Amino acid sequence: MALVMRVKSASKNEFLSGLGLNPENPATNNLYGAMKAEAIEAFNTRLRGQRSLLRPQFKNSPPPFAANQFTDEAFKTCVRFIWSNSRNPTREWYDRAGTPGGDNWIIAWMLYHICRYRDGRNQRAQSRNFHDDDDLDMSQVPSVAPGTTAYYDPARNNYQT
């Protein structure tokens, strides 16, 4: 099946549609979770808090940093890092979307959304995984009590308080 490239700002459902995957399928959710876990690990070890990787105009910006604040080279290097450290089943999907220059729209989409979730713009989903609420009635999203901190638990694929 041919993949249909999606822009980084596309929703989760548009992203999965571009991969030809059904978001209702548990196998799709497992694959998506594995891709997200790889991107989170790379973000945490390669990009988080790294002022040296920011574009000059953002060197004095307070963290967390948005994806567009990192240099193109830093972002691409992180994409290549994710690809080189990936394993099946994610690797076989990444291989379908790569280019000789090291660009990979699947990994770039996931990394962009990892950054976006952490840069404070997605305030409505503070206690949830990013994109789990794309098509959700927001009145059903649980809130986090003021002063409570949530952390991502990749083993459970959700946030814990």
Protein backbone atom coordinates (compact mmCIF):
# COMPACT_ATOMS: atom_id res chain seq x y z
CA MET A 1 0.00 0.00 0.00
CA ALA A 2 1.31 3.42 -0.94
CA LEU A 3 1.77 5.94 1.84
CA VAL A 4 0.33 9.43 1.52
CA MET A 5 2.67 11.96 3.09
CA ARG A 6 1.08 14.22 5.69
CA VAL A 7 2.25 17.63 6.87
CA LYS A 8 3.54 17.85 10.43
CA SER A 9 0.49 19.82 11.53
CA ALA A 10 -1.95 17.08 10.40
CA SER A 11 -4.16 15.46 13.03
CA LYS A 12 -3.56 11.96 14.35
CA ASN A 13 -6.39 10.56 12.22
CA GLU A 14 -5.00 12.25 9.09
CA PHE A 15 -1.56 10.86 9.95
CA LEU A 16 -2.89 7.32 10.38
CA SER A 17 -4.93 7.68 7.19
CA GLY A 18 -1.74 8.61 5.34
CA LEU A 19 -0.25 5.35 6.55
CA GLY A 20 -3.36 3.46 5.45
CA LEU A 21 -4.09 2.43 9.05
CA ASN A 22 -7.37 2.19 10.92
CA PRO A 23 -7.30 4.07 14.25
CA GLU A 24 -9.88 1.63 15.66
CA ASN A 25 -7.56 -1.34 15.18
CA PRO A 26 -5.62 -2.37 18.33
CA ALA A 27 -2.57 -3.23 16.20
CA THR A 28 -2.58 0.34 14.87
CA ASN A 29 -2.67 1.69 18.41
CA ASN A 30 0.25 -0.55 19.39
CA LEU A 31 2.28 0.63 16.39
CA TYR A 32 1.41 4.27 17.10
CA GLY A 33 2.40 3.81 20.75
CA ALA A 34 5.76 2.29 19.75
CA MET A 35 6.46 5.20 17.37
CA LYS A 36 5.52 7.68 20.05
CA ALA A 37 7.73 5.97 22.65
CA GLU A 38 10.73 6.12 20.30
CA ALA A 39 10.10 9.81 19.60
CA ILE A 40 9.70 10.61 23.32
CA GLU A 41 12.95 8.85 24.16
CA ALA A 42 14.82 10.72 21.42
CA PHE A 43 13.26 14.04 22.40
CA ASN A 44 14.23 13.53 26.03
CA THR A 45 17.82 12.49 25.27
CA ARG A 46 18.57 14.64 22.20
CA LEU A 47 16.50 17.84 22.24
CA ARG A 48 14.99 18.64 25.64
CA GLY A 49 16.65 21.69 27.15
CA GLN A 50 19.43 21.83 24.54
CA ARG A 51 19.87 25.59 23.91
CA SER A 52 22.83 24.87 21.62
CA LEU A 53 20.39 23.29 19.15
CA LEU A 54 18.11 26.33 18.94
CA ARG A 55 17.94 28.84 16.11
CA PRO A 56 19.84 32.03 17.05
CA GLN A 57 16.70 34.11 17.62
CA PHE A 58 15.47 31.58 20.21
CA LYS A 59 18.68 31.10 22.22
CA ASN A 60 17.26 33.10 25.14
CA SER A 61 13.76 31.64 25.02
CA PRO A 62 12.55 29.83 28.12
CA PRO A 63 11.93 26.09 27.86
CA PRO A 64 10.06 24.06 26.85
CA PHE A 65 11.05 24.64 23.25
CA ALA A 66 8.76 24.33 20.24
CA ALA A 67 9.78 22.20 17.26
CA ASN A 68 10.27 25.29 15.08
CA GLN A 69 12.75 26.75 17.58
CA PHE A 70 15.27 23.99 16.88
CA THR A 71 17.55 24.32 13.88
CA ASP A 72 16.59 22.27 10.85
CA GLU A 73 19.80 20.30 11.24
CA ALA A 74 19.11 19.51 14.92
CA PHE A 75 15.60 18.31 14.08
CA LYS A 76 16.84 16.21 11.14
CA THR A 77 19.63 14.75 13.27
CA CYS A 78 17.05 13.68 15.83
CA VAL A 79 14.90 12.15 13.06
CA ARG A 80 17.94 10.17 11.83
CA PHE A 81 18.70 9.12 15.42
CA ILE A 82 15.16 7.77 15.84
CA TRP A 83 15.42 5.88 12.54
CA SER A 84 18.83 4.40 13.33
CA ASN A 85 17.70 3.22 16.77
CA SER A 86 14.29 1.96 15.73
CA ARG A 87 13.36 -1.70 15.50
CA ASN A 88 10.47 -3.59 13.98
CA PRO A 89 7.62 -2.99 13.64
CA THR A 90 8.38 0.75 13.53
CA ARG A 91 11.50 0.41 11.38
CA GLU A 92 9.62 -1.24 8.53
CA TRP A 93 7.15 1.68 8.51
CA TYR A 94 9.90 4.29 8.73
CA ASP A 95 11.72 2.64 5.83
CA ARG A 96 8.67 3.25 3.64
CA ALA A 97 8.80 7.00 4.26
CA GLY A 98 12.50 7.84 4.15
CA THR A 99 14.50 9.78 1.61
CA PRO A 100 18.19 9.52 0.70
CA GLY A 101 18.83 12.81 2.54
CA GLY A 102 17.68 11.30 5.83
CA ASP A 103 14.27 12.99 5.93
CA ASN A 104 11.40 10.84 7.10
CA TRP A 105 7.91 12.31 7.22
CA ILE A 106 6.58 9.68 9.64
CA ILE A 107 9.28 10.32 12.23
CA ALA A 108 9.18 14.09 11.63
CA TRP A 109 5.42 14.12 12.22
CA MET A 110 5.77 12.18 15.47
CA LEU A 111 8.70 14.25 16.74
CA TYR A 112 6.91 17.49 15.87
CA HIS A 113 3.90 16.39 17.91
CA ILE A 114 6.07 15.31 20.83
CA CYS A 115 7.56 18.82 20.85
CA ARG A 116 4.17 20.43 20.41
CA TYR A 117 2.67 18.56 23.32
CA ARG A 118 5.55 19.62 25.55
CA ASP A 119 5.80 23.27 24.46
CA GLY A 120 2.63 24.34 26.25
CA ARG A 121 0.40 25.05 23.24
CA ASN A 122 -1.78 22.00 23.78
CA GLN A 123 -3.09 23.04 27.18
CA ARG A 124 -6.40 21.21 26.83
CA ALA A 125 -4.72 17.80 27.08
CA GLN A 126 -2.38 18.27 30.02
CA SER A 127 -3.23 14.97 31.66
CA ARG A 128 -3.51 12.91 28.48
CA ASN A 129 -1.28 11.62 25.72
CA PHE A 130 -1.06 13.98 22.79
CA HIS A 131 -3.62 13.35 20.08
CA ASP A 132 -5.69 10.99 22.14
CA ASP A 133 -8.24 13.83 22.18
CA ASP A 134 -8.25 14.72 18.45
CA ASP A 135 -11.83 13.64 17.92
CA LEU A 136 -12.96 13.52 21.54
CA ASP A 137 -15.73 15.50 23.17
CA MET A 138 -13.69 17.69 25.52
CA SER A 139 -16.34 17.49 28.25
CA GLN A 140 -15.22 13.86 28.67
CA VAL A 141 -11.52 14.66 29.21
CA PRO A 142 -10.51 14.30 32.86
CA SER A 143 -8.75 17.30 34.37
CA VAL A 144 -5.69 17.40 36.58
CA ALA A 145 -6.16 19.06 39.96
CA PRO A 146 -4.30 22.37 40.38
CA GLY A 147 -0.83 21.81 41.75
CA THR A 148 -0.79 18.19 40.57
CA THR A 149 1.93 17.10 38.18
CA ALA A 150 1.35 14.38 35.62
CA TYR A 151 4.13 12.30 34.07
CA TYR A 152 4.15 10.04 31.03
CA ASP A 153 4.32 6.32 31.76
CA PRO A 154 5.27 4.54 28.51
CA ALA A 155 4.55 1.10 29.96
CA ARG A 156 0.93 2.08 30.49
CA ASN A 157 0.85 4.49 27.50
CA ASN A 158 -0.75 7.23 29.56
CA TYR A 159 -0.08 9.92 32.12
CA GLN A 160 0.05 9.22 35.83
CA THR A 161 -0.34 11.70 38.68
